N, C-alpha and C. Protein backbone atom coordinates (compact mmCIF):
# COMPACT_ATOMS: atom_id res chain seq x y z
N MET A 1 102.03 82.25 146.39
CA MET A 1 101.54 82.30 145.31
C MET A 1 100.01 82.42 145.40
N PRO A 2 99.26 82.99 144.91
CA PRO A 2 97.70 83.18 145.31
C PRO A 2 97.34 81.82 144.83
N GLU A 3 96.07 81.48 145.55
CA GLU A 3 95.37 80.14 145.55
C GLU A 3 94.87 80.24 144.04
N ASN A 4 94.63 78.91 143.54
CA ASN A 4 94.03 78.45 142.41
C ASN A 4 94.71 78.94 140.92
N THR A 5 96.28 79.32 141.14
CA THR A 5 97.31 79.48 140.11
C THR A 5 97.91 78.52 139.86
N SER A 6 97.98 78.35 138.22
CA SER A 6 98.67 77.11 138.03
C SER A 6 99.81 77.50 136.41
N GLU A 7 100.69 76.61 136.40
CA GLU A 7 101.83 77.03 135.52
C GLU A 7 101.58 75.76 134.85
N THR A 8 100.77 74.82 135.02
CA THR A 8 99.92 73.72 134.00
C THR A 8 99.69 74.32 132.84
N THR A 9 100.53 73.76 131.83
CA THR A 9 99.54 74.17 130.43
C THR A 9 98.41 73.49 129.38
N VAL A 10 98.44 72.39 130.37
CA VAL A 10 96.99 71.56 129.43
C VAL A 10 95.98 71.23 131.06
N LEU A 11 94.87 71.92 130.68
CA LEU A 11 94.01 72.13 131.67
C LEU A 11 93.26 71.28 131.51
N ARG A 12 92.50 70.16 132.01
CA ARG A 12 91.57 69.47 132.19
C ARG A 12 90.31 70.28 132.67
N VAL A 13 89.29 70.32 131.70
CA VAL A 13 87.87 71.29 131.95
C VAL A 13 87.48 70.60 132.71
N SER A 14 87.34 69.15 133.47
CA SER A 14 86.65 68.80 134.09
C SER A 14 86.68 69.39 135.75
N ASP A 15 88.66 68.95 135.61
CA ASP A 15 88.92 69.52 137.26
C ASP A 15 88.93 70.89 137.33
N LEU A 16 88.66 71.66 136.66
CA LEU A 16 87.98 73.24 136.77
C LEU A 16 87.09 73.43 137.37
N SER A 17 87.18 74.55 138.59
CA SER A 17 85.99 75.04 140.03
C SER A 17 85.04 75.88 138.47
N GLN A 18 83.77 75.18 139.08
CA GLN A 18 82.91 76.57 138.24
C GLN A 18 82.78 77.30 138.94
N SER A 19 82.82 78.09 140.31
CA SER A 19 82.34 78.66 140.93
C SER A 19 83.72 79.92 141.61
N LYS A 20 84.59 79.30 140.66
CA LYS A 20 85.79 80.55 141.23
C LYS A 20 86.58 80.68 139.47
N PRO A 21 87.13 81.86 139.41
CA PRO A 21 88.04 81.95 138.03
C PRO A 21 89.60 80.72 138.44
N HIS A 22 90.34 80.34 137.29
CA HIS A 22 91.37 79.94 137.46
C HIS A 22 92.39 80.82 137.18
N ARG A 23 93.96 81.29 137.77
CA ARG A 23 94.75 81.85 137.36
C ARG A 23 95.66 80.83 136.74
N PHE A 24 96.60 81.50 135.80
CA PHE A 24 97.26 81.05 135.25
C PHE A 24 98.49 81.98 135.00
N SER A 25 99.50 81.57 134.72
CA SER A 25 101.14 82.23 134.51
C SER A 25 101.86 81.47 133.68
N LEU A 26 101.94 81.98 132.62
CA LEU A 26 103.08 80.79 131.83
C LEU A 26 104.25 81.42 131.35
N ARG A 27 105.66 81.24 131.70
CA ARG A 27 106.60 81.90 131.61
C ARG A 27 107.53 80.49 130.95
N PRO A 28 107.62 80.41 129.50
CA PRO A 28 108.30 79.25 129.03
C PRO A 28 110.09 79.51 128.90
N ASP A 29 110.86 78.21 129.38
CA ASP A 29 112.15 78.16 129.41
C ASP A 29 113.07 78.60 128.01
N ARG A 30 113.93 78.23 128.70
CA ARG A 30 114.78 79.08 127.34
C ARG A 30 114.67 77.80 126.40
N PRO A 31 114.99 76.59 125.82
CA PRO A 31 114.47 75.47 125.14
C PRO A 31 113.19 75.48 124.98
N ALA A 32 112.11 76.06 125.66
CA ALA A 32 110.66 76.13 124.91
C ALA A 32 110.71 77.43 123.75
N MET A 33 111.31 78.37 124.60
CA MET A 33 110.95 79.29 123.56
C MET A 33 111.91 79.38 122.22
N GLU A 34 113.24 78.63 122.29
CA GLU A 34 113.94 78.18 121.32
C GLU A 34 112.63 77.54 120.02
N ALA A 35 112.15 76.37 120.83
CA ALA A 35 111.32 75.75 120.14
C ALA A 35 110.01 76.78 119.44
N ILE A 36 109.61 77.41 120.05
CA ILE A 36 108.45 78.27 119.81
C ILE A 36 108.95 79.54 118.79
N ALA A 37 109.94 79.79 119.21
CA ALA A 37 110.60 80.71 117.71
C ALA A 37 110.94 79.85 116.51
N SER A 38 111.37 78.87 116.49
CA SER A 38 111.58 77.87 115.27
C SER A 38 110.23 77.50 114.53
N GLN A 39 109.24 77.57 115.22
CA GLN A 39 107.93 77.43 114.83
C GLN A 39 107.65 78.55 114.17
N LEU A 40 107.67 79.41 114.78
CA LEU A 40 107.21 80.61 114.43
C LEU A 40 108.28 81.75 113.10
N SER A 41 109.52 80.75 113.10
CA SER A 41 110.48 81.43 112.09
C SER A 41 110.82 82.48 112.29
N LEU A 42 110.80 82.78 114.04
CA LEU A 42 111.85 83.77 114.50
C LEU A 42 113.10 83.71 115.01
N THR A 43 113.65 84.74 114.65
CA THR A 43 115.02 84.68 114.82
C THR A 43 115.63 84.61 116.04
N GLY A 44 114.56 85.36 116.95
CA GLY A 44 115.02 85.63 118.53
C GLY A 44 113.73 85.81 118.96
N LEU A 45 113.49 85.12 119.91
CA LEU A 45 112.13 85.44 121.35
C LEU A 45 112.89 85.70 122.85
N ARG A 46 112.56 86.19 123.56
CA ARG A 46 113.35 86.61 124.65
C ARG A 46 111.11 86.92 125.83
N LYS A 47 112.13 86.89 126.91
CA LYS A 47 110.92 87.50 127.82
C LYS A 47 109.11 87.33 127.51
N LEU A 48 108.75 86.16 127.07
CA LEU A 48 107.58 85.73 126.66
C LEU A 48 106.87 84.99 128.29
N SER A 49 105.47 85.78 127.88
CA SER A 49 105.38 85.42 129.52
C SER A 49 103.65 85.63 129.10
N PHE A 50 102.69 84.54 129.76
CA PHE A 50 101.26 85.03 128.85
C PHE A 50 100.99 84.28 130.45
N SER A 51 99.79 85.39 130.80
CA SER A 51 99.36 85.24 132.41
C SER A 51 97.82 85.94 132.01
N GLY A 52 97.03 85.36 133.21
CA GLY A 52 95.67 85.84 133.19
C GLY A 52 94.78 84.77 133.85
N GLU A 53 93.21 84.54 133.73
CA GLU A 53 92.66 83.90 134.24
C GLU A 53 91.65 83.45 133.40
N LEU A 54 90.71 81.66 133.50
CA LEU A 54 89.83 81.20 133.10
C LEU A 54 88.88 81.02 133.95
N ARG A 55 87.50 81.52 133.40
CA ARG A 55 86.34 81.49 134.65
C ARG A 55 85.52 80.93 133.81
N PRO A 56 84.12 80.54 134.50
CA PRO A 56 83.29 79.74 133.67
C PRO A 56 82.33 80.82 132.95
N ASP A 57 81.57 80.71 132.26
CA ASP A 57 81.15 81.95 131.01
C ASP A 57 79.49 81.40 130.50
N ARG A 58 78.39 81.61 131.02
CA ARG A 58 77.18 81.13 130.68
C ARG A 58 77.49 79.49 130.43
N GLY A 59 76.86 78.86 131.23
CA GLY A 59 76.27 77.47 131.38
C GLY A 59 77.69 76.52 131.40
N ARG A 60 78.25 76.15 130.42
CA ARG A 60 79.02 74.95 130.85
C ARG A 60 80.72 75.70 129.34
N ASP A 61 80.30 76.80 129.18
CA ASP A 61 81.14 77.66 128.29
C ASP A 61 82.41 78.05 129.65
N TRP A 62 83.68 78.29 128.62
CA TRP A 62 84.63 79.13 129.61
C TRP A 62 85.07 79.87 128.76
N ARG A 63 85.70 81.23 129.70
CA ARG A 63 86.05 82.23 129.15
C ARG A 63 87.48 82.76 129.60
N LEU A 64 88.45 83.12 128.64
CA LEU A 64 90.10 82.85 129.23
C LEU A 64 90.41 84.02 128.59
N GLU A 65 90.80 85.27 129.41
CA GLU A 65 91.32 86.52 129.52
C GLU A 65 92.61 86.81 130.15
N GLY A 66 93.53 87.47 128.88
CA GLY A 66 95.21 87.37 129.53
C GLY A 66 95.88 88.26 129.20
N THR A 67 97.21 88.13 129.43
CA THR A 67 97.97 89.46 128.95
C THR A 67 99.46 88.34 128.00
N LEU A 68 99.09 89.08 127.04
CA LEU A 68 100.46 88.19 126.37
C LEU A 68 101.81 89.14 126.37
N GLY A 69 102.97 88.32 126.51
CA GLY A 69 104.24 89.48 126.56
C GLY A 69 105.03 88.80 125.74
N ALA A 70 105.93 89.90 125.36
CA ALA A 70 107.14 89.13 124.25
C ALA A 70 108.41 90.16 123.47
N THR A 71 109.07 89.77 123.40
CA THR A 71 110.27 90.54 122.70
C THR A 71 110.57 89.76 121.57
N VAL A 72 110.59 89.81 120.24
CA VAL A 72 110.65 89.26 119.01
C VAL A 72 111.39 89.70 117.64
N THR A 73 112.56 89.03 117.49
CA THR A 73 113.77 89.24 116.42
C THR A 73 112.94 88.56 115.31
N GLN A 74 112.67 89.66 114.05
CA GLN A 74 112.28 88.66 113.21
C GLN A 74 113.47 89.56 112.00
N PRO A 75 113.65 88.72 110.76
CA PRO A 75 114.40 89.95 109.87
C PRO A 75 113.50 90.64 109.29
N CYS A 76 114.19 91.94 108.32
CA CYS A 76 113.83 92.94 107.80
C CYS A 76 113.62 92.60 106.44
N VAL A 77 112.16 92.71 106.32
CA VAL A 77 111.15 92.42 104.82
C VAL A 77 112.44 93.21 103.54
N VAL A 78 113.05 94.05 103.94
CA VAL A 78 113.80 94.91 103.30
C VAL A 78 115.47 94.40 103.00
N SER A 79 115.77 94.65 103.68
CA SER A 79 117.42 94.46 104.20
C SER A 79 117.97 92.96 104.96
N LEU A 80 117.32 92.11 105.40
CA LEU A 80 116.88 91.45 106.16
C LEU A 80 117.53 91.51 107.54
N GLU A 81 118.17 92.54 108.07
CA GLU A 81 118.45 92.71 109.29
C GLU A 81 117.58 92.53 110.24
N PRO A 82 118.25 91.90 111.26
CA PRO A 82 116.99 92.28 112.49
C PRO A 82 116.13 92.97 113.00
N VAL A 83 115.09 92.92 113.08
CA VAL A 83 114.19 93.89 113.67
C VAL A 83 113.84 93.31 115.19
N THR A 84 113.81 94.02 116.17
CA THR A 84 113.28 93.44 117.35
C THR A 84 111.87 95.10 117.60
N THR A 85 110.85 93.64 118.07
CA THR A 85 109.76 94.19 118.37
C THR A 85 109.43 93.86 119.39
N ARG A 86 108.87 94.92 120.95
CA ARG A 86 108.18 94.29 121.73
C ARG A 86 106.53 94.42 121.82
N LEU A 87 105.90 92.84 121.85
CA LEU A 87 104.55 92.94 121.90
C LEU A 87 104.27 92.62 123.54
N ASP A 88 102.91 93.62 123.84
CA ASP A 88 102.22 93.42 125.04
C ASP A 88 100.40 93.47 124.36
N VAL A 89 99.94 92.37 124.13
CA VAL A 89 98.45 92.19 124.00
C VAL A 89 97.77 91.71 124.74
N GLN A 90 96.46 92.16 124.70
CA GLN A 90 95.58 91.23 125.85
C GLN A 90 95.02 90.44 124.77
N VAL A 91 94.61 89.07 125.44
CA VAL A 91 94.31 87.94 124.40
C VAL A 91 92.79 87.55 125.69
N THR A 92 91.95 87.20 124.40
CA THR A 92 90.32 86.90 124.81
C THR A 92 90.22 85.69 123.87
N ARG A 93 90.07 84.44 124.78
CA ARG A 93 89.05 83.82 124.13
C ARG A 93 88.00 83.01 124.80
N ARG A 94 86.78 82.70 124.14
CA ARG A 94 85.76 81.72 124.80
C ARG A 94 85.65 80.29 123.95
N PHE A 95 85.71 79.68 125.34
CA PHE A 95 85.11 78.60 124.49
C PHE A 95 83.60 77.60 124.40
N LEU A 96 83.49 77.48 123.64
CA LEU A 96 81.67 77.39 123.77
C LEU A 96 81.77 76.09 123.47
N ASP A 97 80.54 74.71 124.52
CA ASP A 97 80.70 74.20 124.70
C ASP A 97 79.54 73.54 123.45
N GLU A 98 78.97 74.61 123.03
CA GLU A 98 78.18 74.17 121.45
C GLU A 98 78.38 75.66 120.48
N MET A 99 78.64 75.07 119.35
CA MET A 99 79.06 76.49 118.45
C MET A 99 78.34 76.66 117.92
N PRO A 100 77.94 78.26 117.90
CA PRO A 100 76.78 78.60 116.78
C PRO A 100 77.27 77.84 115.76
N HIS A 101 75.41 77.60 114.96
CA HIS A 101 75.20 76.76 114.15
C HIS A 101 75.18 77.49 113.13
N GLU A 102 75.57 77.95 111.86
CA GLU A 102 75.45 78.66 110.57
C GLU A 102 75.54 77.80 109.26
N THR A 103 74.10 78.15 108.54
CA THR A 103 73.67 77.33 107.80
C THR A 103 74.87 77.45 106.18
N ALA A 104 75.19 75.92 106.37
CA ALA A 104 76.39 75.86 105.09
C ALA A 104 76.16 74.65 104.63
N SER A 105 76.92 74.00 103.28
CA SER A 105 76.77 73.31 102.57
C SER A 105 77.91 72.24 103.32
N ALA A 106 77.34 70.97 102.27
CA ALA A 106 78.77 69.96 102.93
C ALA A 106 79.75 70.50 102.47
N GLU A 107 79.67 70.98 101.63
CA GLU A 107 81.31 71.11 100.73
C GLU A 107 81.84 72.50 100.93
N GLU A 108 81.09 73.75 101.72
CA GLU A 108 81.49 75.01 102.15
C GLU A 108 81.29 75.41 103.27
N ILE A 109 82.30 75.62 104.62
CA ILE A 109 82.06 75.92 106.20
C ILE A 109 82.28 77.34 106.16
N GLU A 110 81.22 77.81 107.10
CA GLU A 110 82.04 79.29 106.86
C GLU A 110 82.01 79.69 108.49
N MET A 111 83.43 80.21 108.37
CA MET A 111 84.56 81.33 109.63
C MET A 111 83.27 81.65 110.51
N ALA A 112 83.38 81.14 111.83
CA ALA A 112 82.38 82.39 113.14
C ALA A 112 82.86 83.73 112.66
N GLU A 113 82.30 84.63 112.50
CA GLU A 113 82.32 85.96 112.56
C GLU A 113 83.44 86.18 113.65
N ASP A 114 83.11 85.86 115.06
CA ASP A 114 83.67 86.05 116.23
C ASP A 114 84.80 85.72 116.42
N GLU A 115 85.73 86.09 116.18
CA GLU A 115 87.23 85.35 116.20
C GLU A 115 87.92 85.01 117.53
N THR A 116 86.85 84.98 118.19
CA THR A 116 87.42 84.84 119.54
C THR A 116 87.04 83.41 120.57
N ILE A 117 86.20 83.00 119.88
CA ILE A 117 85.24 81.58 119.99
C ILE A 117 86.33 80.37 119.52
N ASP A 118 86.56 79.51 120.17
CA ASP A 118 86.30 78.06 120.24
C ASP A 118 85.78 77.07 120.37
N PRO A 119 85.72 76.04 119.81
CA PRO A 119 84.78 74.91 120.64
C PRO A 119 85.90 74.72 121.80
N LEU A 120 85.29 74.33 122.87
CA LEU A 120 85.18 73.68 124.20
C LEU A 120 85.84 71.94 123.83
N GLY A 121 86.49 71.51 124.14
CA GLY A 121 87.19 70.14 124.28
C GLY A 121 87.12 69.88 125.53
N SER A 122 87.39 68.61 125.83
CA SER A 122 87.69 68.03 127.25
C SER A 122 88.91 68.84 127.98
N ARG A 123 89.97 69.54 126.97
CA ARG A 123 91.19 70.08 127.27
C ARG A 123 91.08 71.38 127.14
N ILE A 124 91.74 72.42 127.76
CA ILE A 124 92.31 73.52 127.45
C ILE A 124 93.57 73.78 127.48
N ASP A 125 94.17 74.10 126.17
CA ASP A 125 95.82 74.06 125.97
C ASP A 125 96.25 75.27 126.12
N LEU A 126 96.50 75.96 127.28
CA LEU A 126 97.04 77.26 127.40
C LEU A 126 98.32 77.45 126.76
N GLU A 127 99.34 77.03 126.32
CA GLU A 127 100.36 76.88 125.50
C GLU A 127 99.96 77.27 124.37
N ALA A 128 99.37 76.50 123.43
CA ALA A 128 99.19 76.39 122.47
C ALA A 128 98.07 77.68 122.15
N VAL A 129 96.51 78.52 123.15
CA VAL A 129 96.64 79.38 123.11
C VAL A 129 97.47 80.84 122.95
N MET A 130 98.69 80.35 124.01
CA MET A 130 99.77 81.50 123.88
C MET A 130 100.61 81.96 122.53
N ILE A 131 100.82 80.44 122.06
CA ILE A 131 101.48 80.32 121.04
C ILE A 131 100.66 81.04 119.57
N GLU A 132 99.20 80.73 119.55
CA GLU A 132 98.88 81.33 118.61
C GLU A 132 98.23 82.71 118.69
N ALA A 133 98.82 83.18 120.03
CA ALA A 133 98.14 84.84 120.11
C ALA A 133 99.68 85.48 119.88
N LEU A 134 100.46 84.76 119.99
CA LEU A 134 101.99 85.11 119.43
C LEU A 134 101.86 85.47 118.09
N ALA A 135 101.48 84.43 117.65
CA ALA A 135 101.77 84.16 115.76
C ALA A 135 100.89 85.46 115.10
N LEU A 136 99.63 85.46 115.85
CA LEU A 136 98.60 86.76 115.60
C LEU A 136 99.19 88.13 115.51
N ALA A 137 99.85 88.20 116.41
CA ALA A 137 100.49 89.64 117.16
C ALA A 137 101.70 89.76 116.13
N LEU A 138 102.37 89.35 115.90
CA LEU A 138 103.50 89.64 115.18
C LEU A 138 103.67 90.60 113.92
N PRO A 139 104.00 91.05 113.78
CA PRO A 139 104.43 92.51 112.36
C PRO A 139 104.24 91.38 111.02
N ASP A 140 103.01 91.58 110.08
CA ASP A 140 103.28 90.88 108.76
C ASP A 140 104.54 91.33 108.17
N TYR A 141 105.19 92.28 108.02
CA TYR A 141 106.16 92.72 107.66
C TYR A 141 107.40 93.55 108.12
N PRO A 142 108.17 93.16 108.91
CA PRO A 142 108.89 94.15 110.14
C PRO A 142 109.83 94.46 108.62
N ARG A 143 110.07 95.91 109.56
CA ARG A 143 110.77 96.72 108.73
C ARG A 143 111.74 97.26 109.66
N LYS A 144 113.39 97.56 109.13
CA LYS A 144 113.92 98.70 109.77
C LYS A 144 113.41 99.78 109.96
N GLU A 145 113.55 100.98 110.69
CA GLU A 145 112.86 102.28 110.69
C GLU A 145 113.91 102.99 109.69
N ASP A 146 115.54 102.67 109.89
CA ASP A 146 116.01 103.67 108.96
C ASP A 146 116.06 103.03 107.34
N ASN A 147 114.99 101.94 106.75
CA ASN A 147 115.55 101.78 105.38
C ASN A 147 114.87 102.70 104.76
N ALA A 148 115.54 103.01 103.59
CA ALA A 148 114.84 103.67 102.44
C ALA A 148 113.67 102.90 101.66
N PRO A 149 112.39 103.94 100.96
CA PRO A 149 111.98 102.92 100.31
C PRO A 149 112.40 102.16 99.11
N VAL A 150 112.09 101.29 98.93
CA VAL A 150 112.90 99.99 97.81
C VAL A 150 111.71 100.93 96.29
N GLU A 151 112.71 101.06 95.42
CA GLU A 151 111.92 101.18 94.08
C GLU A 151 112.22 100.07 93.08
N ALA A 152 111.78 99.32 92.54
CA ALA A 152 112.32 98.53 91.76
C ALA A 152 111.41 98.66 89.94
N GLU A 153 112.04 97.98 89.49
CA GLU A 153 111.60 98.37 88.01
C GLU A 153 111.87 97.18 87.16
N PHE A 154 111.10 96.16 86.57
CA PHE A 154 111.21 94.90 85.89
C PHE A 154 110.78 94.64 84.12
N THR A 155 111.84 94.69 83.68
CA THR A 155 111.69 94.49 82.01
C THR A 155 113.12 93.71 81.53
N PRO A 156 112.18 93.38 80.96
CA PRO A 156 112.79 92.28 79.97
C PRO A 156 114.21 92.96 79.39
N PRO A 157 115.22 91.91 79.28
CA PRO A 157 116.48 92.40 78.62
C PRO A 157 116.38 93.07 77.18
N GLY A 158 116.93 94.32 77.40
CA GLY A 158 117.00 95.03 76.00
C GLY A 158 115.79 96.34 75.99
N ALA A 159 114.37 95.78 76.91
CA ALA A 159 113.25 97.01 76.66
C ALA A 159 113.50 98.00 77.66
N ARG A 160 112.71 99.14 77.50
CA ARG A 160 113.32 100.52 78.21
C ARG A 160 112.02 100.29 79.42
N PRO A 161 112.82 100.81 80.27
CA PRO A 161 111.23 100.94 81.66
C PRO A 161 110.28 101.59 81.02
N ILE A 162 109.45 101.26 81.71
CA ILE A 162 108.07 101.93 81.20
C ILE A 162 108.22 103.70 82.17
N GLU A 163 108.08 104.28 81.59
CA GLU A 163 107.61 106.18 82.43
C GLU A 163 106.45 106.05 83.35
N GLU A 164 106.43 107.03 84.21
CA GLU A 164 105.44 107.19 85.17
C GLU A 164 104.22 107.73 84.20
N GLU A 165 104.57 108.54 83.54
CA GLU A 165 103.20 109.14 82.59
C GLU A 165 102.36 107.86 81.89
N ARG A 166 103.34 106.76 81.25
CA ARG A 166 102.91 105.58 80.38
C ARG A 166 101.81 104.75 81.27
N GLN A 167 102.14 104.67 82.60
CA GLN A 167 101.74 103.74 83.43
C GLN A 167 100.10 104.19 83.84
N LYS A 168 99.94 105.47 83.64
CA LYS A 168 98.39 106.21 83.76
C LYS A 168 97.86 105.97 82.68
N PRO A 169 97.57 105.11 82.05
CA PRO A 169 96.90 105.24 80.53
C PRO A 169 95.68 105.99 80.43
N PHE A 170 94.81 106.71 81.71
CA PHE A 170 93.91 107.30 81.51
C PHE A 170 93.85 108.66 81.81
N ALA A 171 95.32 108.89 82.13
CA ALA A 171 95.76 110.54 82.27
C ALA A 171 95.15 111.41 81.05
N GLY A 172 95.19 111.19 79.87
CA GLY A 172 94.92 111.66 78.71
C GLY A 172 93.49 111.86 78.47
N LEU A 173 92.95 111.36 79.30
CA LEU A 173 91.18 111.62 78.41
C LEU A 173 90.50 112.61 79.32
N ALA A 174 91.22 113.22 80.57
CA ALA A 174 90.82 114.77 80.46
C ALA A 174 91.17 116.08 79.46
N ASP A 175 92.36 116.10 79.00
CA ASP A 175 92.90 116.35 78.08
C ASP A 175 91.97 116.17 76.87
N LEU A 176 91.53 115.18 76.66
CA LEU A 176 90.62 114.53 75.09
C LEU A 176 89.42 115.49 75.73
N LYS A 177 88.91 114.73 76.76
CA LYS A 177 87.16 115.92 77.11
C LYS A 177 87.42 117.00 76.97
N LYS A 178 88.63 117.97 77.39
CA LYS A 178 88.50 119.13 77.37
C LYS A 178 88.55 119.88 75.42
N LYS A 179 89.60 118.65 75.34
CA LYS A 179 89.54 119.20 73.41
C LYS A 179 88.28 119.65 72.58
N LEU A 180 87.43 118.16 73.50
CA LEU A 180 86.47 117.68 72.83
C LEU A 180 85.09 118.77 73.05
N GLU A 181 85.03 118.92 74.31
CA GLU A 181 84.54 120.43 74.59
C GLU A 181 84.75 121.68 74.25
N SER A 182 85.96 122.05 74.01
CA SER A 182 85.93 123.08 73.35
C SER A 182 85.73 123.06 71.97
N ASP A 183 85.81 121.85 71.25
CA ASP A 183 85.43 121.49 69.52
C ASP A 183 83.83 122.09 69.28
N ASP A 184 83.01 121.31 70.35
CA ASP A 184 81.29 122.18 70.29
C ASP A 184 80.97 123.85 70.28
């Protein structure tokens, strides 16, 4: 195992070396993956891994760069059949000792434009970063490839469905314009 590599999920910032990167490699066991799958409403989670390095970045800030890999199973949004997706994503986080100050009223707080920054606390939770990165990488609407598009009509009982031509109320304006121009 290389020097300065950890499988610890929570790192105390005060224990990290300011002169060299801290490598990490997380591979949760089956019970941990089942808990993560439940937390993210997945029907299956396999081959979850998160590895990379955490290194000092400008002053007391830290930069995390890593690779997240996982095979996830989710229900199809159309048929509810299982859809399996392989995820391999790059993860970057910057933990800042002082967050950039943006002027905002006490009632309204703006999100930072840079989504990779987080406030630096006394600890960095690698497992939390892994779970967040996994949640962000999941397909929003998993769909089996062989499912046909769904067409639905919603009408009250006894009502006639709206025809496609009637759904375009301004389509007749072009004809009206031509008629008015020809009358001139």
